[in-house]
Amino acid sequence: MADNIREDFKPDELEWKDEEEKSLRDFMTGAFSRNAFEVLAPRQFEESLRNNTPLTLVVIDLNDFKAVNDTLGHPEGDRRMTMFAKDLQNKLRDQDYFFRYGGDEFVLLMHSTDSQVAESKVLPKINNSLKLANLNAAIGFAGRVPEDTLETLLGRADQLMYKNKDEFRSKKNV
């Protein structure tokens, strides 16, 4: 009888696993979700500390994405964002994690890669994916240093991204 009860719960367990999986992926872009970042990033950070291996965090914020949606419509904005995200994901290593962090912001977590190597190897891939989707972005790369927490690492990458965004706005307004 206990086996029958267990069998009765299997469909619910499967549904729960499907829902859990859905919460870890952004439905539109296929990138990992912000929920997945909150789970995976601390694990990757701790592993990097424990093994004393490099870890690079990249923040990518699409420039003027609201204008794309306002002038071309949300379906076109969604199409371009999805094209960018899927193309970039296909160019990344299996051990890299690509997240849709929120709205038009993405985070890339690169295990066992220092920030200079990441920038030289991944920046061209990011730019090619952006060009394919007819988008541009501000990007910030930050590598883990001994005194970092995950929050300070993310903060440094975010600051560098905002510096790049300010430079983009300055050039645009000239």
N, C-alpha and C. Protein backbone atom coordinates (compact mmCIF):
# COMPACT_ATOMS: atom_id res chain seq x y z
N MET A 1 0.82 -1.20 0.00
CA MET A 1 0.00 0.00 0.00
C MET A 1 0.86 1.26 0.00
N ALA A 2 1.95 1.27 0.73
CA ALA A 2 2.84 2.43 0.76
C ALA A 2 3.39 2.73 -0.64
N ASP A 3 3.65 1.67 -1.42
CA ASP A 3 4.13 1.88 -2.78
C ASP A 3 3.09 2.60 -3.62
N ASN A 4 1.82 2.27 -3.43
CA ASN A 4 0.76 2.93 -4.19
C ASN A 4 0.68 4.41 -3.83
N ILE A 5 0.85 4.73 -2.56
CA ILE A 5 0.82 6.13 -2.14
C ILE A 5 1.99 6.88 -2.78
N ARG A 6 3.18 6.27 -2.77
CA ARG A 6 4.35 6.90 -3.37
C ARG A 6 4.09 7.12 -4.87
N GLU A 7 3.49 6.14 -5.52
CA GLU A 7 3.19 6.28 -6.95
C GLU A 7 2.22 7.44 -7.19
N ASP A 8 1.30 7.63 -6.28
CA ASP A 8 0.34 8.72 -6.42
C ASP A 8 1.03 10.08 -6.40
N PHE A 9 2.15 10.19 -5.69
CA PHE A 9 2.82 11.48 -5.56
C PHE A 9 3.84 11.74 -6.67
N LYS A 10 4.21 10.75 -7.43
CA LYS A 10 5.22 10.96 -8.47
C LYS A 10 4.83 12.02 -9.49
N PRO A 11 3.60 12.04 -9.99
CA PRO A 11 3.27 13.11 -10.94
C PRO A 11 3.46 14.50 -10.34
N ASP A 12 3.06 14.68 -9.08
CA ASP A 12 3.25 15.98 -8.43
C ASP A 12 4.72 16.32 -8.31
N GLU A 13 5.54 15.34 -7.96
CA GLU A 13 6.97 15.58 -7.85
C GLU A 13 7.54 15.99 -9.20
N LEU A 14 7.09 15.33 -10.26
CA LEU A 14 7.57 15.69 -11.59
C LEU A 14 7.14 17.09 -11.96
N GLU A 15 5.90 17.43 -11.65
CA GLU A 15 5.43 18.78 -11.92
C GLU A 15 6.24 19.79 -11.14
N TRP A 16 6.56 19.48 -9.88
CA TRP A 16 7.35 20.39 -9.07
C TRP A 16 8.73 20.58 -9.68
N LYS A 17 9.36 19.48 -10.14
CA LYS A 17 10.67 19.58 -10.77
C LYS A 17 10.59 20.42 -12.03
N ASP A 18 9.53 20.27 -12.83
CA ASP A 18 9.37 21.09 -14.02
C ASP A 18 9.25 22.56 -13.64
N GLU A 19 8.48 22.87 -12.61
CA GLU A 19 8.33 24.25 -12.17
C GLU A 19 9.65 24.80 -11.65
N GLU A 20 10.38 23.96 -10.91
CA GLU A 20 11.68 24.39 -10.40
C GLU A 20 12.61 24.69 -11.58
N GLU A 21 12.64 23.82 -12.56
CA GLU A 21 13.48 24.04 -13.74
C GLU A 21 13.07 25.33 -14.46
N LYS A 22 11.77 25.56 -14.59
CA LYS A 22 11.30 26.78 -15.23
C LYS A 22 11.76 28.02 -14.48
N SER A 23 11.83 27.95 -13.15
CA SER A 23 12.24 29.11 -12.37
C SER A 23 13.73 29.39 -12.50
N LEU A 24 14.50 28.43 -13.00
CA LEU A 24 15.94 28.60 -13.15
C LEU A 24 16.34 29.13 -14.53
N ARG A 25 15.40 29.17 -15.45
CA ARG A 25 15.66 29.64 -16.81
C ARG A 25 14.72 30.79 -17.16
N ASP A 26 15.26 31.75 -17.87
CA ASP A 26 14.44 32.83 -18.41
C ASP A 26 13.70 32.26 -19.61
N PHE A 27 12.38 32.32 -19.60
CA PHE A 27 11.58 31.66 -20.63
C PHE A 27 11.85 32.21 -22.02
N MET A 28 12.19 33.48 -22.13
CA MET A 28 12.33 34.09 -23.45
C MET A 28 13.72 33.84 -24.04
N THR A 29 14.76 34.08 -23.25
CA THR A 29 16.12 34.04 -23.78
C THR A 29 16.80 32.69 -23.62
N GLY A 30 16.28 31.85 -22.72
CA GLY A 30 16.93 30.58 -22.43
C GLY A 30 18.10 30.71 -21.48
N ALA A 31 18.47 31.94 -21.12
CA ALA A 31 19.55 32.16 -20.16
C ALA A 31 19.09 31.71 -18.78
N PHE A 32 20.04 31.46 -17.90
CA PHE A 32 19.66 31.21 -16.52
C PHE A 32 18.97 32.45 -15.96
N SER A 33 18.08 32.26 -15.00
CA SER A 33 17.31 33.36 -14.42
C SER A 33 18.04 34.00 -13.24
N ARG A 34 17.49 35.07 -12.77
CA ARG A 34 18.00 35.72 -11.55
C ARG A 34 17.92 34.75 -10.38
N ASN A 35 16.86 33.94 -10.33
CA ASN A 35 16.75 32.92 -9.27
C ASN A 35 17.94 31.97 -9.33
N ALA A 36 18.32 31.56 -10.52
CA ALA A 36 19.46 30.66 -10.68
C ALA A 36 20.75 31.35 -10.25
N PHE A 37 20.88 32.65 -10.54
CA PHE A 37 22.06 33.40 -10.10
C PHE A 37 22.19 33.33 -8.59
N GLU A 38 21.07 33.53 -7.90
CA GLU A 38 21.09 33.54 -6.44
C GLU A 38 21.52 32.20 -5.86
N VAL A 39 21.33 31.12 -6.61
CA VAL A 39 21.74 29.78 -6.18
C VAL A 39 23.16 29.45 -6.65
N LEU A 40 23.42 29.66 -7.94
CA LEU A 40 24.67 29.21 -8.54
C LEU A 40 25.86 30.13 -8.26
N ALA A 41 25.66 31.42 -8.26
CA ALA A 41 26.79 32.35 -8.08
C ALA A 41 27.49 32.16 -6.74
N PRO A 42 26.76 32.05 -5.62
CA PRO A 42 27.47 31.81 -4.35
C PRO A 42 28.26 30.51 -4.35
N ARG A 43 27.73 29.49 -5.00
CA ARG A 43 28.44 28.20 -5.08
C ARG A 43 29.72 28.35 -5.88
N GLN A 44 29.64 29.03 -7.02
CA GLN A 44 30.82 29.24 -7.85
C GLN A 44 31.85 30.11 -7.13
N PHE A 45 31.36 31.11 -6.43
CA PHE A 45 32.27 31.99 -5.68
C PHE A 45 33.00 31.21 -4.59
N GLU A 46 32.26 30.42 -3.83
CA GLU A 46 32.87 29.61 -2.76
C GLU A 46 33.86 28.59 -3.32
N GLU A 47 33.53 27.99 -4.45
CA GLU A 47 34.44 27.03 -5.07
C GLU A 47 35.72 27.72 -5.51
N SER A 48 35.59 28.93 -6.05
CA SER A 48 36.75 29.70 -6.46
C SER A 48 37.64 30.03 -5.26
N LEU A 49 37.03 30.38 -4.15
CA LEU A 49 37.80 30.65 -2.92
C LEU A 49 38.49 29.39 -2.42
N ARG A 50 37.73 28.33 -2.34
CA ARG A 50 38.24 27.07 -1.79
C ARG A 50 39.42 26.53 -2.60
N ASN A 51 39.32 26.62 -3.94
CA ASN A 51 40.35 26.08 -4.82
C ASN A 51 41.37 27.12 -5.26
N ASN A 52 41.18 28.36 -4.80
CA ASN A 52 42.05 29.47 -5.17
C ASN A 52 42.20 29.58 -6.70
N THR A 53 41.06 29.53 -7.37
CA THR A 53 41.02 29.65 -8.83
C THR A 53 40.38 30.99 -9.20
N PRO A 54 40.73 31.52 -10.37
CA PRO A 54 40.13 32.79 -10.79
C PRO A 54 38.63 32.65 -11.05
N LEU A 55 37.96 33.76 -10.91
CA LEU A 55 36.53 33.85 -11.22
C LEU A 55 36.28 35.24 -11.76
N THR A 56 35.66 35.32 -12.91
CA THR A 56 35.34 36.61 -13.52
C THR A 56 33.84 36.75 -13.63
N LEU A 57 33.37 37.93 -13.28
CA LEU A 57 31.96 38.26 -13.39
C LEU A 57 31.84 39.41 -14.39
N VAL A 58 30.94 39.26 -15.34
CA VAL A 58 30.73 40.26 -16.39
C VAL A 58 29.29 40.74 -16.31
N VAL A 59 29.10 42.06 -16.29
CA VAL A 59 27.76 42.64 -16.32
C VAL A 59 27.58 43.27 -17.70
N ILE A 60 26.47 42.92 -18.34
CA ILE A 60 26.13 43.42 -19.68
C ILE A 60 24.77 44.10 -19.59
N ASP A 61 24.73 45.39 -19.89
CA ASP A 61 23.48 46.15 -19.84
C ASP A 61 23.22 46.72 -21.23
N LEU A 62 22.12 46.31 -21.83
CA LEU A 62 21.79 46.77 -23.18
C LEU A 62 21.53 48.27 -23.17
N ASN A 63 22.19 48.99 -24.05
CA ASN A 63 22.03 50.45 -24.14
C ASN A 63 20.76 50.80 -24.90
N ASP A 64 20.03 51.77 -24.37
CA ASP A 64 18.84 52.31 -25.03
C ASP A 64 17.82 51.26 -25.42
N PHE A 65 17.70 50.21 -24.62
CA PHE A 65 16.77 49.15 -24.98
C PHE A 65 15.31 49.62 -24.91
N LYS A 66 15.03 50.54 -23.99
CA LYS A 66 13.68 51.10 -23.91
C LYS A 66 13.30 51.77 -25.23
N ALA A 67 14.26 52.45 -25.85
CA ALA A 67 13.99 53.11 -27.13
C ALA A 67 13.69 52.08 -28.22
N VAL A 68 14.36 50.93 -28.18
CA VAL A 68 14.06 49.86 -29.15
C VAL A 68 12.60 49.44 -28.99
N ASN A 69 12.20 49.18 -27.75
CA ASN A 69 10.81 48.78 -27.50
C ASN A 69 9.82 49.88 -27.87
N ASP A 70 10.16 51.13 -27.53
CA ASP A 70 9.24 52.25 -27.80
C ASP A 70 9.08 52.56 -29.27
N THR A 71 10.17 52.42 -30.04
CA THR A 71 10.09 52.78 -31.46
C THR A 71 9.75 51.60 -32.37
N LEU A 72 10.25 50.42 -32.03
CA LEU A 72 10.05 49.26 -32.90
C LEU A 72 9.02 48.27 -32.36
N GLY A 73 8.64 48.44 -31.11
CA GLY A 73 7.66 47.56 -30.49
C GLY A 73 8.31 46.47 -29.65
N HIS A 74 7.58 46.02 -28.67
CA HIS A 74 8.08 44.99 -27.76
C HIS A 74 8.39 43.67 -28.46
N PRO A 75 7.58 43.22 -29.42
CA PRO A 75 7.94 41.97 -30.10
C PRO A 75 9.32 42.04 -30.76
N GLU A 76 9.63 43.19 -31.38
CA GLU A 76 10.95 43.34 -32.00
C GLU A 76 12.05 43.43 -30.94
N GLY A 77 11.79 44.12 -29.85
CA GLY A 77 12.75 44.17 -28.75
C GLY A 77 13.01 42.77 -28.20
N ASP A 78 11.95 42.01 -27.99
CA ASP A 78 12.09 40.63 -27.50
C ASP A 78 12.89 39.78 -28.49
N ARG A 79 12.61 39.94 -29.77
CA ARG A 79 13.31 39.17 -30.80
C ARG A 79 14.81 39.48 -30.77
N ARG A 80 15.15 40.76 -30.68
CA ARG A 80 16.56 41.16 -30.67
C ARG A 80 17.27 40.67 -29.40
N MET A 81 16.61 40.83 -28.25
CA MET A 81 17.22 40.38 -27.01
C MET A 81 17.44 38.87 -27.03
N THR A 82 16.46 38.14 -27.51
CA THR A 82 16.56 36.68 -27.59
C THR A 82 17.67 36.27 -28.56
N MET A 83 17.75 36.96 -29.69
CA MET A 83 18.80 36.66 -30.67
C MET A 83 20.18 36.87 -30.04
N PHE A 84 20.36 37.98 -29.34
CA PHE A 84 21.64 38.26 -28.67
C PHE A 84 21.96 37.17 -27.66
N ALA A 85 21.01 36.89 -26.77
CA ALA A 85 21.26 35.95 -25.68
C ALA A 85 21.55 34.54 -26.19
N LYS A 86 20.76 34.08 -27.13
CA LYS A 86 20.96 32.71 -27.63
C LYS A 86 22.25 32.59 -28.42
N ASP A 87 22.57 33.60 -29.21
CA ASP A 87 23.81 33.55 -29.97
C ASP A 87 25.02 33.54 -29.02
N LEU A 88 25.00 34.39 -28.02
CA LEU A 88 26.12 34.43 -27.08
C LEU A 88 26.24 33.12 -26.31
N GLN A 89 25.12 32.58 -25.86
CA GLN A 89 25.17 31.31 -25.12
C GLN A 89 25.82 30.20 -25.95
N ASN A 90 25.58 30.21 -27.25
CA ASN A 90 26.18 29.20 -28.12
C ASN A 90 27.69 29.37 -28.27
N LYS A 91 28.21 30.54 -27.94
CA LYS A 91 29.64 30.83 -28.08
C LYS A 91 30.41 30.64 -26.78
N LEU A 92 29.72 30.44 -25.68
CA LEU A 92 30.38 30.33 -24.38
C LEU A 92 30.79 28.89 -24.09
N ARG A 93 31.71 28.75 -23.15
CA ARG A 93 32.14 27.42 -22.72
C ARG A 93 31.03 26.79 -21.87
N ASP A 94 31.07 25.47 -21.79
CA ASP A 94 30.07 24.75 -20.99
C ASP A 94 30.13 25.15 -19.52
N GLN A 95 31.29 25.51 -19.01
CA GLN A 95 31.42 25.84 -17.59
C GLN A 95 31.04 27.29 -17.27
N ASP A 96 30.73 28.09 -18.29
CA ASP A 96 30.31 29.47 -18.07
C ASP A 96 28.82 29.53 -17.80
N TYR A 97 28.42 30.44 -16.93
CA TYR A 97 27.01 30.63 -16.61
C TYR A 97 26.56 32.00 -17.10
N PHE A 98 25.49 32.01 -17.90
CA PHE A 98 24.95 33.23 -18.46
C PHE A 98 23.55 33.43 -17.90
N PHE A 99 23.34 34.57 -17.24
CA PHE A 99 22.08 34.84 -16.55
C PHE A 99 21.40 36.08 -17.13
N ARG A 100 20.09 36.03 -17.22
CA ARG A 100 19.33 37.27 -17.42
C ARG A 100 19.06 37.76 -16.01
N TYR A 101 19.77 38.81 -15.66
CA TYR A 101 19.76 39.30 -14.28
C TYR A 101 18.51 40.12 -13.99
N GLY A 102 18.02 40.80 -15.01
CA GLY A 102 16.80 41.58 -14.86
C GLY A 102 16.61 42.48 -16.07
N GLY A 103 15.41 42.62 -16.54
CA GLY A 103 15.11 43.53 -17.65
C GLY A 103 16.05 43.33 -18.82
N ASP A 104 16.90 44.34 -19.05
CA ASP A 104 17.85 44.27 -20.16
C ASP A 104 19.29 44.11 -19.67
N GLU A 105 19.43 43.51 -18.50
CA GLU A 105 20.76 43.31 -17.91
C GLU A 105 21.06 41.82 -17.77
N PHE A 106 22.28 41.46 -18.16
CA PHE A 106 22.74 40.08 -18.11
C PHE A 106 24.02 40.00 -17.29
N VAL A 107 24.27 38.84 -16.72
CA VAL A 107 25.50 38.59 -15.98
C VAL A 107 26.10 37.29 -16.51
N LEU A 108 27.40 37.33 -16.71
CA LEU A 108 28.15 36.15 -17.14
C LEU A 108 29.14 35.82 -16.03
N LEU A 109 29.14 34.58 -15.60
CA LEU A 109 30.04 34.11 -14.55
C LEU A 109 30.99 33.11 -15.18
N MET A 110 32.28 33.41 -15.13
CA MET A 110 33.29 32.60 -15.80
C MET A 110 34.25 32.01 -14.77
N HIS A 111 34.08 30.73 -14.53
CA HIS A 111 34.90 30.00 -13.56
C HIS A 111 36.27 29.70 -14.18
N SER A 112 37.31 29.75 -13.35
CA SER A 112 38.69 29.42 -13.77
C SER A 112 39.19 30.32 -14.89
N THR A 113 38.77 31.58 -14.87
CA THR A 113 39.18 32.53 -15.90
C THR A 113 39.44 33.88 -15.25
N ASP A 114 40.65 34.42 -15.45
CA ASP A 114 40.89 35.76 -14.89
C ASP A 114 40.29 36.81 -15.82
N SER A 115 40.12 38.00 -15.30
CA SER A 115 39.35 39.02 -16.02
C SER A 115 40.03 39.48 -17.30
N GLN A 116 41.37 39.52 -17.34
CA GLN A 116 42.05 39.95 -18.57
C GLN A 116 41.85 38.93 -19.69
N VAL A 117 41.97 37.66 -19.36
CA VAL A 117 41.73 36.60 -20.35
C VAL A 117 40.27 36.64 -20.79
N ALA A 118 39.38 36.77 -19.81
CA ALA A 118 37.95 36.82 -20.13
C ALA A 118 37.65 37.97 -21.08
N GLU A 119 38.20 39.15 -20.76
CA GLU A 119 37.91 40.31 -21.60
C GLU A 119 38.47 40.13 -23.01
N SER A 120 39.68 39.60 -23.12
CA SER A 120 40.27 39.45 -24.46
C SER A 120 39.57 38.37 -25.28
N LYS A 121 39.07 37.33 -24.64
CA LYS A 121 38.45 36.23 -25.38
C LYS A 121 36.94 36.37 -25.53
N VAL A 122 36.29 36.95 -24.54
CA VAL A 122 34.83 36.97 -24.54
C VAL A 122 34.25 38.28 -25.07
N LEU A 123 34.94 39.38 -24.88
CA LEU A 123 34.40 40.66 -25.37
C LEU A 123 34.11 40.63 -26.86
N PRO A 124 35.00 40.08 -27.70
CA PRO A 124 34.64 39.99 -29.13
C PRO A 124 33.40 39.13 -29.38
N LYS A 125 33.21 38.08 -28.60
CA LYS A 125 32.02 37.24 -28.76
C LYS A 125 30.75 38.01 -28.37
N ILE A 126 30.85 38.75 -27.26
CA ILE A 126 29.71 39.57 -26.83
C ILE A 126 29.38 40.60 -27.91
N ASN A 127 30.41 41.30 -28.39
CA ASN A 127 30.17 42.33 -29.41
C ASN A 127 29.61 41.75 -30.69
N ASN A 128 30.07 40.57 -31.10
CA ASN A 128 29.52 39.93 -32.31
C ASN A 128 28.05 39.57 -32.12
N SER A 129 27.70 39.07 -30.94
CA SER A 129 26.30 38.72 -30.67
C SER A 129 25.43 39.96 -30.62
N LEU A 130 25.95 41.04 -30.06
CA LEU A 130 25.22 42.31 -30.04
C LEU A 130 24.99 42.83 -31.46
N LYS A 131 26.05 42.78 -32.26
CA LYS A 131 25.96 43.26 -33.65
C LYS A 131 24.94 42.45 -34.43
N LEU A 132 24.96 41.14 -34.27
CA LEU A 132 24.00 40.27 -34.94
C LEU A 132 22.56 40.69 -34.63
N ALA A 133 22.32 41.06 -33.37
CA ALA A 133 20.97 41.44 -32.93
C ALA A 133 20.69 42.93 -33.11
N ASN A 134 21.64 43.66 -33.69
CA ASN A 134 21.51 45.10 -33.89
C ASN A 134 21.26 45.83 -32.57
N LEU A 135 22.09 45.48 -31.58
CA LEU A 135 22.03 46.08 -30.25
C LEU A 135 23.43 46.53 -29.86
N ASN A 136 23.51 47.35 -28.82
CA ASN A 136 24.80 47.65 -28.20
C ASN A 136 24.61 47.64 -26.70
N ALA A 137 25.72 47.57 -25.98
CA ALA A 137 25.62 47.41 -24.54
C ALA A 137 26.82 48.03 -23.84
N ALA A 138 26.62 48.35 -22.59
CA ALA A 138 27.72 48.71 -21.69
C ALA A 138 28.10 47.43 -20.96
N ILE A 139 29.41 47.22 -20.83
CA ILE A 139 29.90 45.96 -20.28
C ILE A 139 30.95 46.25 -19.21
N GLY A 140 30.89 45.51 -18.11
CA GLY A 140 31.89 45.61 -17.06
C GLY A 140 32.43 44.25 -16.69
N PHE A 141 33.75 44.10 -16.70
CA PHE A 141 34.44 42.86 -16.32
C PHE A 141 35.11 43.08 -14.98
N ALA A 142 34.98 42.11 -14.07
CA ALA A 142 35.69 42.17 -12.79
C ALA A 142 36.13 40.76 -12.40
N GLY A 143 37.38 40.65 -12.02
CA GLY A 143 37.92 39.38 -11.55
C GLY A 143 37.97 39.36 -10.03
N ARG A 144 37.77 38.19 -9.46
CA ARG A 144 37.79 38.04 -8.00
C ARG A 144 39.18 38.33 -7.46
N VAL A 145 39.23 39.13 -6.41
CA VAL A 145 40.46 39.38 -5.66
C VAL A 145 40.27 38.81 -4.26
N PRO A 146 41.38 38.56 -3.54
CA PRO A 146 41.26 37.85 -2.24
C PRO A 146 40.27 38.47 -1.25
N GLU A 147 40.16 39.79 -1.22
CA GLU A 147 39.28 40.42 -0.22
C GLU A 147 37.82 40.51 -0.67
N ASP A 148 37.52 40.01 -1.85
CA ASP A 148 36.15 40.09 -2.38
C ASP A 148 35.16 39.22 -1.64
N THR A 149 33.93 39.70 -1.66
CA THR A 149 32.75 38.87 -1.44
C THR A 149 32.04 38.83 -2.79
N LEU A 150 31.05 38.00 -2.93
CA LEU A 150 30.30 37.98 -4.18
C LEU A 150 29.70 39.36 -4.45
N GLU A 151 29.24 40.02 -3.40
CA GLU A 151 28.61 41.34 -3.55
C GLU A 151 29.61 42.38 -4.04
N THR A 152 30.85 42.36 -3.51
CA THR A 152 31.84 43.35 -3.96
C THR A 152 32.29 43.06 -5.39
N LEU A 153 32.39 41.80 -5.75
CA LEU A 153 32.75 41.43 -7.12
C LEU A 153 31.68 41.93 -8.09
N LEU A 154 30.43 41.65 -7.77
CA LEU A 154 29.32 42.13 -8.60
C LEU A 154 29.31 43.66 -8.64
N GLY A 155 29.56 44.28 -7.50
CA GLY A 155 29.57 45.74 -7.43
C GLY A 155 30.64 46.36 -8.32
N ARG A 156 31.84 45.77 -8.35
CA ARG A 156 32.91 46.29 -9.19
C ARG A 156 32.57 46.15 -10.67
N ALA A 157 32.05 45.00 -11.06
CA ALA A 157 31.64 44.79 -12.46
C ALA A 157 30.54 45.78 -12.83
N ASP A 158 29.61 46.00 -11.92
CA ASP A 158 28.51 46.94 -12.15
C ASP A 158 29.05 48.37 -12.31
N GLN A 159 30.01 48.76 -11.46
CA GLN A 159 30.60 50.10 -11.57
C GLN A 159 31.28 50.30 -12.92
N LEU A 160 32.03 49.30 -13.36
CA LEU A 160 32.69 49.40 -14.66
C LEU A 160 31.69 49.46 -15.80
N MET A 161 30.60 48.72 -15.66
CA MET A 161 29.55 48.77 -16.68
C MET A 161 28.95 50.18 -16.72
N TYR A 162 28.67 50.77 -15.55
CA TYR A 162 28.09 52.12 -15.52
C TYR A 162 29.05 53.16 -16.07
N LYS A 163 30.34 52.98 -15.84
CA LYS A 163 31.35 53.88 -16.42
C LYS A 163 31.26 53.80 -17.94
N ASN A 164 31.16 52.60 -18.48
CA ASN A 164 31.02 52.43 -19.92
C ASN A 164 29.71 53.00 -20.44
N LYS A 165 28.65 52.86 -19.66
CA LYS A 165 27.35 53.41 -20.06
C LYS A 165 27.40 54.93 -20.11
N ASP A 166 28.08 55.54 -19.12
CA ASP A 166 28.23 57.01 -19.11
C ASP A 166 29.02 57.48 -20.33
N GLU A 167 30.07 56.73 -20.69
CA GLU A 167 30.85 57.08 -21.89
C GLU A 167 29.99 56.97 -23.14
N PHE A 168 29.15 55.95 -23.21
CA PHE A 168 28.24 55.79 -24.35
C PHE A 168 27.29 56.99 -24.45
N ARG A 169 26.73 57.37 -23.31
CA ARG A 169 25.79 58.52 -23.31
C ARG A 169 26.49 59.80 -23.71
N SER A 170 27.73 60.00 -23.23
CA SER A 170 28.48 61.21 -23.59
C SER A 170 28.73 61.26 -25.09
N LYS A 171 29.13 60.16 -25.69
CA LYS A 171 29.38 60.12 -27.13
C LYS A 171 28.09 60.35 -27.91
N LYS A 172 27.01 59.81 -27.40
CA LYS A 172 25.71 59.92 -28.07
C LYS A 172 25.21 61.38 -28.06
N ASN A 173 25.52 62.10 -26.98
CA ASN A 173 25.02 63.47 -26.83
C ASN A 173 25.94 64.53 -27.46
N VAL A 174 27.01 64.09 -28.08
CA VAL A 174 27.94 65.06 -28.72
C VAL A 174 27.41 65.49 -30.06
